[in-house]
Amino acid sequence: GPADFDRRHNFVTSFLYNLPFPGQQRILSKFTQGWRTNGIFRYVSGSPLTIVPGTDRALRGGGGQRADVIGNPVLSSERSFDDQRAQYLHTAVFAQPALGTYGNSGRNAFYGPGQYNLDLSFFKTTTIAERARLEFRWELFNALNHANLGNPNTTLNSSAFGRIDTVTGPRNSHLGLKASF
């Protein structure tokens, strides 16, 4: 099966842009000119999942055992956020393998939810004197305030099987002021 670190799609881009603001008056331009923005956007598809029975069904005392699959476990991705958290996979199509067997589902045969994130900053450097500068910076981490789902519980005999209990944190914002002389 796919490696544990397999991510079919991984897109990362970064940008830096000088923001155009009108106004060339000497005093006003100290506040309106010189603004820039930069950011990093990342999208990554879900990571592979292996559904495990949670008990030693092969009677060998080790790992490598998987659940049996008796139907299509994929549910629509068009479901609401809360529905996906409550049941990411169709849990009813998984069963404990017969004693002495390893199960018929493949290793890493299913994929968890994908994730995306945008970190963004706005900053302005103002020259105060010949050798003195002041930089104001506003940084936004998870600027879109998008909650990315973690992976679902993949242990068949768990009461949380198929449920997603982890979600990334909210937007964080930082302000900063730096003086250079």
Protein backbone atom coordinates (compact mmCIF):
# COMPACT_ATOMS: atom_id res chain seq x y z
CA GLY A 1 0.00 0.00 0.00
CA PRO A 2 0.96 3.66 -0.06
CA ALA A 3 3.65 4.90 2.32
CA ASP A 4 2.54 6.55 5.56
CA PHE A 5 3.84 9.90 4.30
CA ASP A 6 2.13 9.68 0.87
CA ARG A 7 0.37 12.93 -0.06
CA ARG A 8 -0.96 12.81 -3.60
CA HIS A 9 -1.19 16.59 -3.94
CA ASN A 10 0.97 19.18 -2.24
CA PHE A 11 0.83 22.76 -3.48
CA VAL A 12 2.74 25.59 -1.81
CA THR A 13 3.12 29.13 -3.10
CA SER A 14 4.44 32.31 -1.57
CA PHE A 15 4.13 35.91 -2.66
CA LEU A 16 5.38 39.42 -1.92
CA TYR A 17 3.50 42.43 -3.27
CA ASN A 18 4.01 46.20 -2.96
CA LEU A 19 0.59 47.74 -2.27
CA PRO A 20 -0.14 50.81 -4.42
CA PHE A 21 -1.66 53.68 -2.44
CA PRO A 22 -2.34 57.11 -3.97
CA GLY A 23 -1.22 60.31 -2.28
CA GLN A 24 2.13 61.96 -2.72
CA GLN A 25 1.87 64.75 -0.13
CA ARG A 26 5.02 64.72 1.99
CA ILE A 27 3.42 64.12 5.39
CA LEU A 28 0.58 61.89 4.18
CA SER A 29 2.94 59.70 2.13
CA LYS A 30 4.80 58.73 5.33
CA PHE A 31 1.62 56.82 6.27
CA THR A 32 0.30 55.64 2.89
CA GLN A 33 3.40 54.77 0.86
CA GLY A 34 5.65 51.74 1.32
CA TRP A 35 3.09 49.13 2.40
CA ARG A 36 3.79 45.56 1.35
CA THR A 37 2.08 42.23 1.87
CA ASN A 38 3.41 38.72 1.74
CA GLY A 39 2.07 35.29 2.42
CA ILE A 40 2.31 31.55 2.09
CA PHE A 41 -0.58 29.40 0.86
CA ARG A 42 -0.47 25.62 1.22
CA TYR A 43 -2.87 22.91 0.10
CA VAL A 44 -2.15 19.25 0.82
CA SER A 45 -4.36 16.24 0.16
CA GLY A 46 -5.21 13.82 2.94
CA SER A 47 -2.82 11.30 4.43
CA PRO A 48 -3.29 7.53 4.09
CA LEU A 49 -5.29 5.59 6.67
CA THR A 50 -5.26 1.92 7.64
CA ILE A 51 -8.33 0.54 9.42
CA VAL A 52 -7.18 -1.83 12.16
CA PRO A 53 -9.31 -4.27 14.19
CA GLY A 54 -7.98 -3.14 17.58
CA THR A 55 -7.49 -6.72 18.82
CA ASP A 56 -5.21 -9.57 17.80
CA ARG A 57 -7.48 -11.34 15.31
CA ALA A 58 -4.62 -13.15 13.53
CA LEU A 59 -3.60 -14.78 16.84
CA ARG A 60 0.05 -13.93 16.31
CA GLY A 61 0.59 -11.24 18.95
CA GLY A 62 1.76 -8.54 16.51
CA GLY A 63 0.73 -5.80 14.13
CA GLY A 64 0.00 -5.80 10.42
CA GLN A 65 -3.64 -6.75 10.92
CA ARG A 66 -6.44 -4.90 9.19
CA ALA A 67 -10.24 -4.88 9.23
CA ASP A 68 -12.42 -6.56 6.62
CA VAL A 69 -14.19 -4.26 4.14
CA ILE A 70 -17.61 -5.45 2.95
CA GLY A 71 -18.77 -2.37 0.98
CA ASN A 72 -17.85 1.12 -0.16
CA PRO A 73 -16.57 3.14 2.83
CA VAL A 74 -16.38 6.50 1.04
CA LEU A 75 -19.03 9.06 2.01
CA SER A 76 -19.75 12.26 0.07
CA SER A 77 -17.35 15.12 0.67
CA GLU A 78 -20.31 17.49 0.18
CA ARG A 79 -21.57 16.77 3.69
CA SER A 80 -21.44 19.45 6.38
CA PHE A 81 -18.37 20.02 8.51
CA ASP A 82 -20.11 18.54 11.58
CA ASP A 83 -21.30 15.47 9.64
CA GLN A 84 -17.76 14.79 8.43
CA ARG A 85 -16.41 15.11 11.97
CA ALA A 86 -19.07 12.73 13.33
CA GLN A 87 -18.49 10.04 10.69
CA TYR A 88 -15.74 10.56 8.10
CA LEU A 89 -15.97 7.03 6.64
CA HIS A 90 -19.02 4.78 6.28
CA THR A 91 -18.23 2.74 9.41
CA ALA A 92 -20.90 0.07 8.83
CA VAL A 93 -18.94 -1.46 5.93
CA PHE A 94 -16.02 -2.51 8.17
CA ALA A 95 -16.01 -5.76 10.14
CA GLN A 96 -13.68 -7.69 12.40
CA PRO A 97 -11.74 -10.30 10.38
CA ALA A 98 -12.25 -13.97 11.15
CA LEU A 99 -9.95 -15.41 13.83
CA GLY A 100 -6.63 -16.47 12.36
CA THR A 101 -6.82 -14.01 9.44
CA TYR A 102 -5.29 -10.59 8.79
CA GLY A 103 -8.32 -8.88 7.22
CA ASN A 104 -8.97 -8.02 3.58
CA SER A 105 -8.53 -4.23 3.56
CA GLY A 106 -5.30 -2.85 2.21
CA ARG A 107 -2.58 -1.05 4.11
CA ASN A 108 -3.20 2.72 3.86
CA ALA A 109 -6.10 2.06 1.48
CA PHE A 110 -8.12 5.13 2.53
CA TYR A 111 -7.29 8.81 2.79
CA GLY A 112 -8.10 11.40 5.43
CA PRO A 113 -9.28 14.93 4.73
CA GLY A 114 -7.09 17.41 2.86
CA GLN A 115 -5.97 20.67 4.41
CA TYR A 116 -5.26 24.23 3.31
CA ASN A 117 -3.88 27.28 5.07
CA LEU A 118 -2.95 30.90 4.32
CA ASP A 119 -0.46 32.83 6.46
CA LEU A 120 -0.44 36.52 5.58
CA SER A 121 1.34 39.68 6.71
CA PHE A 122 1.17 43.39 6.00
CA PHE A 123 4.12 45.61 6.81
CA LYS A 124 5.47 49.09 6.27
CA THR A 125 8.95 50.45 6.72
CA THR A 126 9.23 54.20 7.28
CA THR A 127 12.50 56.11 7.21
CA ILE A 128 12.60 58.47 10.18
CA ALA A 129 16.08 59.88 9.64
CA GLU A 130 19.06 58.98 7.47
CA ARG A 131 19.95 55.91 9.55
CA ALA A 132 16.73 55.35 11.49
CA ARG A 133 13.80 53.25 10.30
CA LEU A 134 10.57 52.11 11.86
CA GLU A 135 8.81 48.92 10.71
CA PHE A 136 5.19 48.15 11.55
CA ARG A 137 4.04 44.57 10.93
CA TRP A 138 0.68 42.81 11.16
CA GLU A 139 0.80 39.02 10.81
CA LEU A 140 -2.14 36.65 10.42
CA PHE A 141 -1.65 32.92 10.85
CA ASN A 142 -4.53 30.89 9.38
CA ALA A 143 -5.74 34.16 7.85
CA LEU A 144 -8.87 32.56 6.37
CA ASN A 145 -9.81 31.15 9.79
CA HIS A 146 -10.38 27.76 8.13
CA ALA A 147 -10.68 24.75 10.43
CA ASN A 148 -8.75 21.82 8.94
CA LEU A 149 -9.93 18.40 10.05
CA GLY A 150 -7.47 15.90 11.48
CA ASN A 151 -7.59 12.19 10.65
CA PRO A 152 -10.45 10.03 11.90
CA ASN A 153 -10.05 7.31 14.50
CA THR A 154 -9.15 4.14 12.58
CA THR A 155 -9.50 1.49 15.31
CA LEU A 156 -12.54 -0.66 14.57
CA ASN A 157 -13.34 -1.65 18.17
CA SER A 158 -13.11 1.94 19.44
CA SER A 159 -16.28 3.81 20.36
CA ALA A 160 -14.81 6.75 18.41
CA PHE A 161 -14.23 4.72 15.22
CA GLY A 162 -14.65 6.92 12.13
CA ARG A 163 -14.97 10.11 14.18
CA ILE A 164 -12.62 13.09 13.84
CA ASP A 165 -11.71 14.60 17.20
CA THR A 166 -8.94 16.98 16.10
CA VAL A 167 -9.27 20.28 14.25
CA THR A 168 -6.63 22.95 13.64
CA GLY A 169 -6.73 26.10 15.69
CA PRO A 170 -8.29 29.48 14.94
CA ARG A 171 -6.73 32.51 13.30
CA ASN A 172 -3.89 34.14 15.26
CA SER A 173 -2.93 37.75 14.77
CA HIS A 174 0.26 39.52 15.87
CA LEU A 175 1.22 43.18 15.75
CA GLY A 176 4.83 44.28 15.86
CA LEU A 177 6.90 47.46 15.80
CA LYS A 178 10.65 47.43 15.19
CA ALA A 179 13.04 50.39 15.33
CA SER A 180 16.37 50.19 13.48
CA PHE A 181 19.06 52.83 13.91
